[in-house]
Protein backbone atom coordinates (compact mmCIF):
# COMPACT_ATOMS: atom_id res chain seq x y z
CA MET A 1 127.65 74.11 96.77
CA PHE A 2 126.24 76.12 93.84
CA GLU A 3 122.76 77.30 92.91
CA GLU A 4 121.46 79.58 90.20
CA LEU A 5 118.65 81.43 91.96
CA ASP A 6 117.36 83.44 89.01
CA TYR A 7 118.03 83.91 85.32
CA ARG A 8 116.35 86.32 82.95
CA LYS A 9 117.04 88.14 79.72
CA THR A 10 117.00 91.94 79.87
CA GLU A 11 117.74 94.72 77.40
CA LEU A 12 121.13 95.07 79.11
CA GLY A 13 121.94 91.39 78.63
CA GLU A 14 121.53 88.20 80.65
CA LEU A 15 120.91 88.87 84.35
CA ILE A 16 121.91 86.07 86.72
CA LEU A 17 121.70 85.72 90.49
CA ARG A 18 123.61 82.83 92.00
CA ARG A 19 124.61 81.57 95.41
CA ARG A 20 127.63 79.41 96.09
CA ALA A 21 129.92 78.17 98.82
CA VAL A 22 133.52 79.40 98.62
CA LEU A 23 135.75 76.48 99.59
CA SER A 24 138.83 78.68 99.94
CA LEU A 25 136.93 80.68 102.61
CA ASP A 26 135.83 77.66 104.66
CA GLY A 27 132.60 77.32 102.73
CA ALA A 28 131.47 80.92 103.21
CA GLU A 29 128.23 81.66 101.40
CA VAL A 30 128.33 84.32 98.68
CA TYR A 31 125.61 85.82 96.49
CA GLU A 32 126.79 87.03 93.10
CA VAL A 33 125.21 88.98 90.27
CA LYS A 34 126.27 88.74 86.61
CA LEU A 35 125.03 91.05 83.87
CA ASP A 36 125.80 90.53 80.21
CA GLY A 37 128.51 88.01 81.06
CA GLU A 38 130.34 90.22 83.58
CA PHE A 39 130.40 89.99 87.37
CA LEU A 40 128.54 93.01 88.68
CA MET A 41 128.53 92.58 92.47
CA SER A 42 129.10 90.17 95.34
CA SER A 43 127.77 89.95 98.87
CA LEU A 44 131.34 89.46 100.15
CA VAL A 45 132.56 92.73 98.60
CA LYS A 46 130.27 95.43 99.96
CA ASP A 47 132.43 97.88 101.93
CA ALA A 48 132.20 100.67 99.35
CA GLU A 49 128.44 100.23 98.90
CA ILE A 50 127.96 100.74 102.63
CA ALA A 51 130.44 103.63 102.74
CA LEU A 52 128.50 105.39 99.98
CA ALA A 53 125.67 105.90 102.47
CA THR A 54 127.62 106.37 105.69
CA GLU A 55 130.08 108.91 104.25
CA ALA A 56 127.29 111.00 102.71
CA LEU A 57 125.01 110.98 105.74
CA ARG A 58 127.89 111.95 107.99
CA LEU A 59 127.96 115.33 106.19
CA ILE A 60 124.29 116.11 106.72
CA GLU A 61 122.89 118.06 109.65
CA CYS A 62 119.35 116.79 109.66
CA ALA A 63 117.23 115.05 112.29
CA GLU A 64 114.86 113.39 109.80
CA CYS A 65 116.51 112.84 106.44
CA ASP A 66 114.94 111.70 103.19
CA VAL A 67 117.32 109.70 100.99
CA LEU A 68 117.17 108.80 97.30
CA VAL A 69 119.26 105.86 96.08
CA GLY A 70 119.99 105.23 92.41
CA GLY A 71 120.50 101.49 91.96
CA LEU A 72 119.34 98.75 94.33
CA GLY A 73 121.86 95.97 93.67
CA LEU A 74 122.05 93.65 96.65
CA GLY A 75 120.67 96.40 98.86
CA TYR A 76 123.69 97.29 101.01
CA THR A 77 123.59 101.03 100.30
CA ALA A 78 119.86 101.24 101.03
CA GLN A 79 120.25 99.23 104.22
CA ALA A 80 123.15 101.36 105.42
CA ALA A 81 120.99 104.45 104.91
CA LEU A 82 118.11 102.90 106.85
CA ASP A 83 120.50 101.98 109.65
CA ALA A 84 121.43 105.63 110.15
CA GLN A 85 119.66 107.16 113.14
CA ASN A 86 118.69 110.35 111.29
CA VAL A 87 116.99 108.78 108.25
CA ARG A 88 113.19 108.71 108.02
CA SER A 89 112.71 107.54 104.41
CA VAL A 90 114.66 105.84 101.63
CA MET A 91 113.47 105.73 98.02
CA VAL A 92 115.37 103.37 95.73
CA ILE A 93 115.00 103.63 91.95
CA GLU A 94 116.08 100.43 90.18
CA TYR A 95 116.10 99.92 86.41
CA LEU A 96 115.90 96.11 86.34
CA GLU A 97 112.65 94.54 87.48
CA GLY A 98 114.46 91.30 88.32
CA VAL A 99 116.59 92.99 90.98
CA ILE A 100 113.52 94.31 92.80
CA ASP A 101 111.88 90.91 92.41
CA TRP A 102 114.84 89.22 94.14
CA HIS A 103 114.27 91.37 97.20
CA ARG A 104 110.51 90.90 97.26
CA ARG A 105 110.96 87.12 96.97
CA CYS A 106 113.72 87.24 99.63
CA LEU A 107 116.22 85.56 97.33
CA VAL A 108 118.98 87.88 98.58
CA PRO A 109 120.21 88.39 102.18
CA LEU A 110 118.67 91.85 102.71
CA GLY A 111 115.43 91.22 100.85
CA GLN A 112 113.21 90.76 103.86
CA SER A 113 114.79 93.60 105.81
CA LEU A 114 114.27 96.14 103.01
CA THR A 115 110.81 95.07 101.88
CA GLU A 116 109.41 94.94 105.43
CA ASP A 117 110.75 98.37 106.42
CA ALA A 118 107.90 100.86 106.00
CA ARG A 119 110.44 103.65 105.46
CA CYS A 120 111.81 102.00 102.30
CA ALA A 121 110.20 102.25 98.85
CA LEU A 122 111.55 100.23 95.91
CA ILE A 123 110.62 101.93 92.63
CA LEU A 124 111.00 100.37 89.19
CA GLY A 125 112.32 103.03 86.84
CA ASP A 126 115.25 104.84 85.29
CA PHE A 127 117.07 106.96 87.88
CA PHE A 128 118.68 109.20 85.26
CA GLU A 129 115.41 109.78 83.43
CA ALA A 130 113.67 110.54 86.73
CA ILE A 131 116.23 113.21 87.61
CA MET A 132 116.43 114.77 84.14
CA SER A 133 112.69 114.77 83.46
CA ARG A 134 110.41 117.68 84.30
CA SER A 135 107.34 115.47 84.01
CA VAL A 136 104.85 115.35 86.88
CA ASN A 137 104.89 111.57 86.41
CA SER A 138 108.51 111.29 87.51
CA PRO A 139 108.79 109.42 90.84
CA VAL A 140 110.76 112.38 92.23
CA ALA A 141 108.46 115.12 90.89
CA GLY A 142 107.84 117.75 93.55
CA ARG A 143 110.24 116.11 95.99
CA ARG A 144 113.56 117.10 97.49
CA PHE A 145 116.01 114.89 99.35
CA HIS A 146 118.71 115.46 101.93
CA ALA A 147 120.97 112.89 100.27
CA ILE A 148 121.10 111.35 96.80
CA LEU A 149 123.31 108.27 96.52
CA LEU A 150 124.25 106.86 93.12
CA ASP A 151 125.66 103.40 92.44
CA ILE A 152 124.73 102.36 88.91
CA ASP A 153 127.61 102.94 86.49
CA HIS A 154 131.10 101.57 87.05
CA SER A 155 132.23 105.20 87.23
CA PRO A 156 131.20 108.56 85.74
CA GLN A 157 133.39 107.77 82.74
CA CYS A 158 132.58 104.04 82.43
CA LEU A 159 128.83 103.81 81.84
CA LEU A 160 126.46 100.87 81.66
CA GLN A 161 124.50 102.74 78.99
CA PRO A 162 125.59 105.66 76.76
CA SER A 163 122.30 107.43 77.58
CA HIS A 164 123.60 108.10 81.11
CA ALA A 165 126.32 110.45 79.86
CA GLY A 166 124.25 113.63 79.92
CA PHE A 167 123.52 113.26 83.62
CA TYR A 168 127.21 113.66 84.51
CA LYS A 169 127.47 116.95 82.59
CA ARG A 170 126.61 120.36 84.01
CA GLU A 171 122.97 120.32 82.87
CA GLY A 172 122.35 116.97 84.53
CA LEU A 173 124.04 118.04 87.74
CA GLU A 174 121.98 121.24 87.82
CA ARG A 175 118.81 119.15 87.53
CA LEU A 176 120.08 117.00 90.37
CA VAL A 177 120.66 120.05 92.59
CA ASP A 178 116.98 120.90 92.12
CA ARG A 179 116.16 117.63 93.85
CA LEU A 180 118.28 118.40 96.93
CA HIS A 181 117.44 120.40 100.04
CA ALA A 182 119.85 123.22 100.93
CA GLY A 183 122.86 121.60 102.56
CA GLY A 184 122.06 118.29 100.90
CA VAL A 185 124.69 115.84 99.65
CA PHE A 186 125.15 114.01 96.36
CA ALA A 187 127.39 110.93 96.56
CA VAL A 188 128.61 108.74 93.69
CA TRP A 189 130.39 105.39 93.88
CA SER A 190 133.21 104.83 91.39
CA ALA A 191 135.46 101.89 90.65
CA ASP A 192 137.86 104.24 88.86
CA PRO A 193 140.07 106.98 90.34
CA PRO A 194 138.75 110.57 90.36
CA GLU A 195 138.29 112.08 86.91
CA GLU A 196 139.05 115.78 86.61
CA GLY A 197 136.31 116.56 84.12
CA PHE A 198 133.59 115.23 86.39
CA LEU A 199 135.15 116.93 89.41
CA ASN A 200 135.08 120.26 87.57
CA GLY A 201 131.44 119.69 86.71
CA LEU A 202 130.61 119.05 90.36
CA ARG A 203 132.53 122.13 91.46
CA SER A 204 130.57 124.28 89.02
CA VAL A 205 127.27 123.54 90.79
CA PHE A 206 128.17 122.46 94.35
CA ALA A 207 129.76 124.49 97.15
CA ASP A 208 131.96 121.70 98.52
CA VAL A 209 133.35 118.73 96.57
CA GLN A 210 135.66 116.01 97.85
CA VAL A 211 136.61 112.41 97.10
CA ARG A 212 137.04 109.67 99.69
CA GLU A 213 139.00 106.49 99.10
CA CYS A 214 137.44 103.27 100.33
CA ALA A 215 140.17 100.66 100.73
CA PHE A 216 139.11 97.07 101.40
CA HIS A 217 140.21 93.47 101.10
CA ASN A 218 138.55 91.34 98.44
CA PRO A 219 138.40 87.85 99.97
CA LEU A 220 137.31 86.25 96.70
CA LEU A 221 140.50 87.39 94.94
CA ASN A 222 142.56 87.54 98.16
CA GLU A 223 143.84 90.99 97.29
CA ASP A 224 143.44 94.57 98.46
CA ASP A 225 141.44 96.98 96.37
CA VAL A 226 140.21 100.56 96.50
CA ASN A 227 137.04 102.28 95.31
CA TYR A 228 136.21 105.97 95.36
CA ILE A 229 133.27 108.03 96.55
CA TYR A 230 132.58 111.51 95.19
CA LEU A 231 130.89 113.72 97.80
CA ALA A 232 129.30 117.01 96.74
CA LYS A 233 127.47 119.22 99.23
């Protein structure tokens, strides 16, 4: 009925992976992640994570796309990218070693699928540092991508760490553009409605900026919800 699959202390707080049966949903199995006492994600609420990849890749005219994903989570964004017919490689940069470990030990539903796909690379590191750095040791040094998908912070204005703030400013976005091919797309998941300051920043460095709503039903709370996806091309 309930099992704690992993527990570890991190610099961001206690990281917990658990699996339980939801009696109100006829015993449906759900995997849940808690960080620093707060629920971070659930395997039953993944529509927006999938849409982050599908909406971005729909805008790209490329037969063999290389994709960079910031944040692994339960792997739904990475898997959605790999499922696209025009994707040849997916690099995922994940800050927490435990999250990558869950996938390699197949403790989460998509663990085996992601780790056995030769097109997928799971990299332990700081996505924001990798983008902002000019070091040759950065995992993205010398590389460009057709799509960069970001799902780390709750939103561009609600950050997991204050150090992320610079990335969402013009300088950070200009560094990001250097990592994209011409015609490439940057997509950001957000739990909060569009914020004008961030939109203006995107418009200052990208040719086309839009926001898509992702409406879905949360079966755990039995209520409708909506997330947002920034798309900058």
